[in-house]
Amino acid sequence: MSRFQVLIGYPQICILCLWELTQRDSAAEVVLALFFLISMTVALFWASLKVFRIAKRSVSMHKNPAYILYSDPSALNKWGFLYVQFRATAYYFIMPMLGYILVKSLFIAFAQNSGKTQAIALLVIEAGFLIGVSILRPWMDKKTNAFNISIAAINFLNVVFLLVFTAIFNQPVRSSMSQFPCSILTKYLGHCYWRDGCHLLHL
């Protein structure tokens, strides 16, 4: 498995391995889940810390974090997958990204029995992430920043829909004549959520 595949697969590994800890299908699967989760988490956070140390050394020697990170072929080939998507001064942003993925996965996996708790926690997480990326704009150029901020905004909107679907606002959710949502607000948001999902599937 390459370094890029580890980074790309980390969100799925986090959610599925943590979810397996709640299901406990077998002892072997729990052991495998713990092994993959711990090994990938430790490897990625250790590599991120290595990037942080290299950048600090570059700042102390050359007054610029990008000097060693981008001019040293060894550092670029070995650790570049963690920071090349960010601008030089935001090399550290991989660590908040990994933390965001891990914390979000914890609530998705362990808060299944309480929809309201899960929705509120995800709302706070997504709002914080959206505000953070909108202020810092850590990616390399304007187009990439706009694209990733749009993704964060859509994730935040999805969590708002999820919050409404948990009936936290005490809107009527089901009627005696139908098993479908009967509240106008819930119906409308459900339609928007379904339509946007279908549109994304056709892209």
Protein backbone atom coordinates (compact mmCIF):
# COMPACT_ATOMS: atom_id res chain seq x y z
CA MET A 1 0.00 0.00 0.00
CA SER A 2 1.47 3.36 -1.06
CA ARG A 3 1.63 6.48 1.11
CA PHE A 4 -1.10 8.17 -0.95
CA GLN A 5 -3.40 5.17 -0.55
CA VAL A 6 -2.91 5.23 3.22
CA LEU A 7 -3.87 8.91 3.37
CA ILE A 8 -6.83 8.53 1.02
CA GLY A 9 -8.12 5.44 2.81
CA TYR A 10 -7.73 6.82 6.33
CA PRO A 11 -11.30 8.23 6.67
CA GLN A 12 -12.84 4.91 5.62
CA ILE A 13 -10.51 2.94 7.89
CA CYS A 14 -11.39 5.20 10.84
CA ILE A 15 -15.14 4.88 10.44
CA LEU A 16 -15.27 1.16 9.60
CA CYS A 17 -12.75 0.04 12.24
CA LEU A 18 -14.41 2.09 14.97
CA TRP A 19 -17.79 0.81 13.83
CA GLU A 20 -16.53 -2.77 14.12
CA LEU A 21 -15.67 -2.09 17.76
CA THR A 22 -19.38 -1.44 18.38
CA GLN A 23 -20.54 -4.54 16.45
CA ARG A 24 -17.91 -7.09 17.55
CA ASP A 25 -18.72 -9.63 14.87
CA SER A 26 -15.82 -11.78 16.01
CA ALA A 27 -12.66 -11.50 18.11
CA ALA A 28 -10.48 -11.76 15.00
CA GLU A 29 -12.30 -8.88 13.27
CA VAL A 30 -11.97 -6.70 16.37
CA VAL A 31 -8.23 -7.42 16.50
CA LEU A 32 -7.87 -6.61 12.80
CA ALA A 33 -9.87 -3.40 13.22
CA LEU A 34 -7.68 -2.28 16.11
CA PHE A 35 -4.52 -3.22 14.23
CA PHE A 36 -5.39 -1.24 11.09
CA LEU A 37 -6.78 1.74 12.99
CA ILE A 38 -3.87 2.09 15.41
CA SER A 39 -1.15 1.38 12.84
CA MET A 40 -2.49 3.87 10.27
CA THR A 41 -3.23 6.54 12.86
CA VAL A 42 0.21 6.28 14.47
CA ALA A 43 1.94 6.21 11.07
CA LEU A 44 0.12 9.28 9.73
CA PHE A 45 0.48 11.35 12.89
CA TRP A 46 4.15 10.38 13.21
CA ALA A 47 4.75 11.36 9.58
CA SER A 48 2.92 14.66 10.15
CA LEU A 49 5.09 15.35 13.18
CA LYS A 50 8.14 14.63 11.03
CA VAL A 51 6.96 17.23 8.48
CA PHE A 52 6.44 19.70 11.33
CA ARG A 53 10.00 19.16 12.57
CA ILE A 54 11.48 19.51 9.08
CA ALA A 55 9.59 22.77 8.57
CA LYS A 56 10.80 24.09 11.93
CA ARG A 57 14.39 23.23 11.00
CA SER A 58 13.92 24.98 7.67
CA VAL A 59 12.61 28.09 9.41
CA SER A 60 15.53 28.14 11.84
CA MET A 61 18.10 27.68 9.06
CA HIS A 62 16.56 29.55 6.11
CA LYS A 63 13.72 31.62 7.62
CA ASN A 64 11.31 29.81 5.31
CA PRO A 65 9.46 26.52 5.93
CA ALA A 66 9.26 25.76 2.22
CA TYR A 67 13.02 25.75 1.62
CA ILE A 68 13.75 22.22 2.84
CA LEU A 69 10.23 20.87 2.36
CA TYR A 70 10.26 21.62 -1.37
CA SER A 71 13.94 21.80 -2.31
CA ASP A 72 15.14 18.63 -0.58
CA PRO A 73 14.25 15.67 -2.86
CA SER A 74 14.44 13.24 0.03
CA ALA A 75 11.89 15.15 2.15
CA LEU A 76 9.65 15.82 -0.84
CA ASN A 77 9.57 12.21 -2.03
CA LYS A 78 9.14 10.73 1.43
CA TRP A 79 6.76 13.17 3.12
CA GLY A 80 5.46 15.36 0.29
CA PHE A 81 2.13 13.51 0.06
CA LEU A 82 1.19 15.13 3.38
CA TYR A 83 1.79 18.78 2.47
CA VAL A 84 2.12 19.38 -1.29
CA GLN A 85 -1.58 20.22 -1.53
CA PHE A 86 -1.13 23.07 0.98
CA ARG A 87 0.68 26.37 0.62
CA ALA A 88 4.13 26.57 2.20
CA THR A 89 3.01 28.49 5.30
CA ALA A 90 0.18 25.99 5.93
CA TYR A 91 2.34 22.85 5.91
CA TYR A 92 0.97 22.04 9.39
CA PHE A 93 -2.65 21.74 8.23
CA ILE A 94 -2.39 17.99 7.70
CA MET A 95 -2.49 17.54 11.49
CA PRO A 96 -5.82 19.39 11.97
CA MET A 97 -7.15 17.46 8.96
CA LEU A 98 -6.27 14.12 10.52
CA GLY A 99 -7.72 15.22 13.85
CA TYR A 100 -10.93 16.32 12.12
CA ILE A 101 -11.25 12.92 10.42
CA LEU A 102 -10.60 11.00 13.64
CA VAL A 103 -12.99 13.00 15.84
CA LYS A 104 -15.73 12.91 13.23
CA SER A 105 -15.30 9.14 12.85
CA LEU A 106 -15.60 8.67 16.62
CA PHE A 107 -19.02 10.31 16.69
CA ILE A 108 -20.22 8.53 13.55
CA ALA A 109 -19.24 5.13 14.96
CA PHE A 110 -20.06 5.46 18.65
CA ALA A 111 -23.08 7.79 18.70
CA GLN A 112 -25.37 5.66 16.51
CA ASN A 113 -27.78 5.07 19.38
CA SER A 114 -28.39 8.79 19.89
CA GLY A 115 -29.22 10.57 16.67
CA LYS A 116 -29.53 13.97 18.31
CA THR A 117 -26.16 13.70 20.04
CA GLN A 118 -24.53 12.58 16.81
CA ALA A 119 -26.16 15.33 14.75
CA ILE A 120 -25.26 18.10 17.22
CA ALA A 121 -21.66 16.88 17.52
CA LEU A 122 -21.26 16.65 13.75
CA LEU A 123 -22.81 20.10 13.36
CA VAL A 124 -20.23 21.59 15.74
CA ILE A 125 -17.37 19.72 14.05
CA GLU A 126 -18.40 20.68 10.51
CA ALA A 127 -19.08 24.29 11.50
CA GLY A 128 -15.65 24.56 13.12
CA PHE A 129 -13.96 23.00 10.10
CA LEU A 130 -15.84 25.25 7.66
CA ILE A 131 -14.94 28.38 9.63
CA GLY A 132 -11.33 27.24 9.94
CA VAL A 133 -10.75 26.55 6.24
CA SER A 134 -12.62 29.71 5.24
CA ILE A 135 -10.31 31.82 7.40
CA LEU A 136 -6.99 30.01 6.86
CA ARG A 137 -7.47 28.98 3.21
CA PRO A 138 -4.58 26.53 3.51
CA TRP A 139 -4.59 25.02 0.03
CA MET A 140 -2.23 25.98 -2.74
CA ASP A 141 -4.32 28.31 -4.94
CA LYS A 142 -7.67 30.10 -5.11
CA LYS A 143 -9.42 27.41 -7.17
CA THR A 144 -8.34 24.62 -4.82
CA ASN A 145 -9.36 26.66 -1.80
CA ALA A 146 -12.74 27.44 -3.35
CA PHE A 147 -13.29 23.77 -4.20
CA ASN A 148 -12.42 22.50 -0.72
CA ILE A 149 -14.37 25.24 1.05
CA SER A 150 -17.37 24.29 -1.10
CA ILE A 151 -17.00 20.67 0.01
CA ALA A 152 -16.87 21.79 3.65
CA ALA A 153 -19.98 23.92 3.11
CA ILE A 154 -21.87 20.98 1.56
CA ASN A 155 -20.82 18.74 4.47
CA PHE A 156 -22.13 21.37 6.88
CA LEU A 157 -25.41 21.59 4.96
CA ASN A 158 -25.75 17.80 5.06
CA VAL A 159 -25.38 17.86 8.84
CA VAL A 160 -28.06 20.56 9.07
CA PHE A 161 -30.39 18.21 7.13
CA LEU A 162 -29.42 15.37 9.45
CA LEU A 163 -30.23 17.57 12.45
CA VAL A 164 -33.69 18.30 11.07
CA PHE A 165 -34.33 14.61 10.34
CA THR A 166 -33.68 13.74 14.01
CA ALA A 167 -36.82 15.76 14.88
CA ILE A 168 -34.82 17.86 17.33
CA PHE A 169 -37.10 20.83 16.61
CA ASN A 170 -40.17 18.76 17.59
CA GLN A 171 -41.65 18.98 14.11
CA PRO A 172 -44.14 16.18 13.26
CA VAL A 173 -42.13 13.46 11.57
CA ARG A 174 -44.64 10.68 10.85
CA SER A 175 -48.36 10.56 10.32
CA SER A 176 -50.78 7.71 11.09
CA MET A 177 -51.68 7.36 7.41
CA SER A 178 -48.14 7.15 6.02
CA GLN A 179 -44.66 6.05 6.94
CA PHE A 180 -43.13 9.00 5.10
CA PRO A 181 -42.20 12.36 6.65
CA CYS A 182 -45.28 14.56 6.91
CA SER A 183 -43.82 17.85 8.13
CA ILE A 184 -43.53 20.45 5.38
CA LEU A 185 -40.03 21.37 6.56
CA THR A 186 -38.91 17.76 6.74
CA LYS A 187 -40.50 16.96 3.36
CA TYR A 188 -38.82 19.91 1.67
CA LEU A 189 -35.38 19.24 3.13
CA GLY A 190 -35.71 15.54 2.36
CA HIS A 191 -36.51 16.36 -1.25
CA CYS A 192 -33.52 18.72 -1.50
CA TYR A 193 -31.24 16.13 0.08
CA TRP A 194 -32.43 13.39 -2.30
CA ARG A 195 -32.22 15.66 -5.37
CA ASP A 196 -28.70 16.85 -4.54
CA GLY A 197 -27.60 13.26 -3.92
CA CYS A 198 -28.99 12.13 -7.30
CA HIS A 199 -27.29 15.06 -9.01
CA LEU A 200 -23.93 14.16 -7.45
CA LEU A 201 -24.31 10.54 -8.53
CA HIS A 202 -24.72 11.64 -12.16
CA LEU A 203 -21.60 13.83 -12.13
